[in-house]
């Protein structure tokens, strides 16, 4: 094979792989692996400013969760307003633990709840729970996974798919990746 053709094939193969690759190295990063490979290295920060926590989304009683079919990703879970709920690869389900703090909270709002008055549609009620979040708040969990909303989403959106290891959550608690 000619060298120019081999290089072209490698570039095309890399582009195909990068369309589904996630940059999981930093919860505050929203660059794909392809963008990271083609971008110059960022200048080192002098002193990072503290990152204030953004206002989490408060699901008011009764909390409504429902399974909804999304053409792009399949059946996922949404809140009463239609916002997609996500889970993070950095969190754990057993035991339920959220690791989204600091810079992560700029983009990901923990789904906070008051009480345990949940209404579910298309979801097994026994999979829904909560964990302590801090400052007396409780974060919603599904199959043990803490759930979040993505700040750039509007009802019906799934813009947070594969961003920094976050994925829409299925009614069973599984992560949902983009369909090919």
Protein backbone atom coordinates (compact mmCIF):
# COMPACT_ATOMS: atom_id res chain seq x y z
CA UNK A 1 0.00 0.00 0.00
CA UNK A 2 1.31 3.46 -0.83
CA UNK A 3 2.31 5.61 2.19
CA UNK A 4 -0.14 8.42 1.31
CA UNK A 5 -3.03 5.97 1.06
CA UNK A 6 -2.05 4.32 4.38
CA UNK A 7 -2.03 7.71 6.13
CA UNK A 8 -5.43 8.58 4.64
CA UNK A 9 -6.87 5.26 5.83
CA UNK A 10 -5.48 5.78 9.33
CA UNK A 11 -6.96 9.27 9.50
CA UNK A 12 -10.36 8.00 8.34
CA UNK A 13 -10.27 5.10 10.83
CA UNK A 14 -9.34 7.49 13.63
CA UNK A 15 -12.18 9.84 12.70
CA UNK A 16 -14.67 6.96 12.70
CA UNK A 17 -13.53 5.81 16.13
CA UNK A 18 -13.48 9.30 17.58
CA UNK A 19 -17.14 9.93 16.83
CA UNK A 20 -18.07 7.51 19.61
CA UNK A 21 -15.07 7.95 21.92
CA UNK A 22 -15.47 9.78 25.19
CA UNK A 23 -12.90 11.81 27.06
CA UNK A 24 -13.33 10.35 30.53
CA UNK A 25 -10.23 11.86 32.08
CA UNK A 26 -11.87 14.94 33.59
CA UNK A 27 -15.43 15.39 34.79
CA UNK A 28 -15.19 19.06 33.87
CA UNK A 29 -14.15 18.31 30.29
CA UNK A 30 -16.60 18.18 27.41
CA UNK A 31 -14.11 17.54 24.59
CA UNK A 32 -14.25 14.32 22.62
CA UNK A 33 -11.10 12.30 22.15
CA UNK A 34 -10.87 13.63 18.56
CA UNK A 35 -11.03 17.26 19.69
CA UNK A 36 -8.41 16.58 22.35
CA UNK A 37 -6.10 15.02 19.75
CA UNK A 38 -6.37 17.97 17.35
CA UNK A 39 -6.34 20.80 19.89
CA UNK A 40 -3.18 22.37 21.22
CA UNK A 41 -2.41 21.67 24.86
CA UNK A 42 -4.08 24.21 27.16
CA UNK A 43 -1.92 26.74 28.97
CA UNK A 44 -1.32 25.78 32.61
CA UNK A 45 -3.63 27.49 35.08
CA UNK A 46 -2.04 29.85 37.56
CA UNK A 47 -4.42 29.36 40.47
CA UNK A 48 -7.83 27.86 39.91
CA UNK A 49 -10.69 29.78 41.47
CA UNK A 50 -13.07 27.83 43.67
CA UNK A 51 -16.01 26.48 41.72
CA UNK A 52 -19.34 27.32 43.30
CA UNK A 53 -21.96 24.60 43.24
CA UNK A 54 -24.79 25.44 40.86
CA UNK A 55 -28.36 25.19 41.98
CA UNK A 56 -29.37 21.55 41.76
CA UNK A 57 -32.68 20.61 40.27
CA UNK A 58 -35.22 20.02 43.02
CA UNK A 59 -37.88 17.51 42.11
CA UNK A 60 -40.90 18.57 44.15
CA UNK A 61 -43.23 16.04 45.76
CA UNK A 62 -44.65 13.95 44.40
CA UNK A 63 -41.55 13.18 42.37
CA UNK A 64 -42.55 11.85 38.95
CA UNK A 65 -40.20 9.65 36.94
CA UNK A 66 -41.20 8.03 33.71
CA UNK A 67 -39.72 5.87 31.00
CA UNK A 68 -39.73 7.59 27.64
CA UNK A 69 -38.63 6.48 24.20
CA UNK A 70 -36.05 8.77 22.60
CA UNK A 71 -35.32 8.23 18.88
CA UNK A 72 -31.60 8.87 19.35
CA UNK A 73 -30.85 6.59 22.29
CA UNK A 74 -33.83 4.35 23.09
CA UNK A 75 -35.88 4.15 26.29
CA UNK A 76 -34.57 6.42 29.02
CA UNK A 77 -35.83 8.03 32.23
CA UNK A 78 -37.11 11.61 32.42
CA UNK A 79 -38.43 13.78 35.24
CA UNK A 80 -41.87 15.41 35.38
CA UNK A 81 -40.72 18.27 33.11
CA UNK A 82 -39.27 15.89 30.47
CA UNK A 83 -35.60 16.47 31.34
CA UNK A 84 -33.38 13.45 30.69
CA UNK A 85 -31.83 11.89 33.78
CA UNK A 86 -28.19 10.77 33.57
CA UNK A 87 -25.84 8.55 35.55
CA UNK A 88 -22.05 8.86 35.80
CA UNK A 89 -19.41 6.18 35.24
CA UNK A 90 -17.47 7.72 38.12
CA UNK A 91 -20.28 7.12 40.61
CA UNK A 92 -21.09 3.76 42.14
CA UNK A 93 -24.35 1.91 42.62
CA UNK A 94 -23.28 -0.53 45.35
CA UNK A 95 -22.83 1.31 47.56
CA UNK A 96 -24.68 4.28 46.10
CA UNK A 97 -22.15 7.11 45.94
CA UNK A 98 -21.91 10.37 44.00
CA UNK A 99 -18.47 11.62 43.05
CA UNK A 100 -19.72 14.69 41.17
CA UNK A 101 -18.41 17.66 43.13
CA UNK A 102 -16.60 20.91 42.38
CA UNK A 103 -16.13 21.51 38.62
CA UNK A 104 -18.45 18.62 37.77
CA UNK A 105 -21.37 20.55 39.25
CA UNK A 106 -21.00 23.29 36.64
CA UNK A 107 -22.62 20.99 34.07
CA UNK A 108 -24.38 18.29 36.07
CA UNK A 109 -27.20 19.07 38.49
CA UNK A 110 -27.92 16.41 41.08
CA UNK A 111 -31.61 15.49 41.04
CA UNK A 112 -32.55 16.35 44.60
CA UNK A 113 -35.76 15.22 46.25
CA UNK A 114 -37.67 15.88 49.43
CA UNK A 115 -39.31 12.89 51.02
CA UNK A 116 -40.01 9.57 49.37
CA UNK A 117 -43.28 10.33 47.60
CA UNK A 118 -42.38 8.96 44.15
CA UNK A 119 -44.68 8.35 41.21
CA UNK A 120 -43.14 6.13 38.56
CA UNK A 121 -44.41 5.24 35.11
CA UNK A 122 -42.68 2.38 33.29
CA UNK A 123 -40.08 1.99 36.07
CA UNK A 124 -39.94 -0.59 38.87
CA UNK A 125 -40.62 1.45 42.05
CA UNK A 126 -38.26 -0.79 44.04
CA UNK A 127 -35.32 0.56 41.98
CA UNK A 128 -35.93 4.18 43.08
CA UNK A 129 -34.18 5.48 46.18
CA UNK A 130 -32.11 8.35 47.58
CA UNK A 131 -28.69 9.04 49.08
CA UNK A 132 -27.51 11.84 51.35
CA UNK A 133 -25.97 14.63 49.28
CA UNK A 134 -24.84 17.12 51.91
CA UNK A 135 -26.35 20.11 53.67
CA UNK A 136 -29.35 17.93 54.53
CA UNK A 137 -30.28 17.23 50.89
CA UNK A 138 -31.16 13.88 49.28
CA UNK A 139 -30.24 12.87 45.72
CA UNK A 140 -32.45 10.56 43.70
CA UNK A 141 -31.02 7.16 42.72
CA UNK A 142 -32.16 4.58 40.21
CA UNK A 143 -30.91 1.00 40.71
CA UNK A 144 -28.44 2.56 43.16
CA UNK A 145 -27.02 5.06 40.62
CA UNK A 146 -27.23 8.75 41.62
CA UNK A 147 -29.00 10.70 38.85
CA UNK A 148 -28.42 14.16 37.38
CA UNK A 149 -29.68 16.53 34.72
CA UNK A 150 -27.39 18.24 32.19
CA UNK A 151 -27.45 22.07 32.25
CA UNK A 152 -27.55 22.38 28.44
CA UNK A 153 -30.57 20.08 28.07
CA UNK A 154 -34.12 21.23 27.54
CA UNK A 155 -37.02 18.78 27.87
CA UNK A 156 -36.52 15.98 25.33
CA UNK A 157 -32.79 16.67 24.79
CA UNK A 158 -29.93 14.19 25.30
CA UNK A 159 -27.03 16.61 24.82
CA UNK A 160 -25.16 15.11 27.79
CA UNK A 161 -24.64 11.68 26.21
CA UNK A 162 -21.02 10.61 26.61
CA UNK A 163 -19.88 13.91 28.09
CA UNK A 164 -17.30 13.30 30.80
CA UNK A 165 -18.58 9.78 31.45
CA UNK A 166 -22.28 10.69 31.86
CA UNK A 167 -24.99 8.74 30.06
CA UNK A 168 -28.80 8.73 30.06
CA UNK A 169 -30.13 6.12 32.47
CA UNK A 170 -32.49 3.35 31.42
CA UNK A 171 -35.55 2.36 33.47
CA UNK A 172 -33.47 -0.57 34.78
CA UNK A 173 -30.53 1.68 35.77
CA UNK A 174 -28.22 0.79 32.86
CA UNK A 175 -26.26 3.45 31.01
CA UNK A 176 -27.46 4.23 27.50
CA UNK A 177 -24.99 5.07 24.74
CA UNK A 178 -25.78 6.55 21.35
CA UNK A 179 -27.25 4.24 18.74
CA UNK A 180 -25.05 3.77 15.70
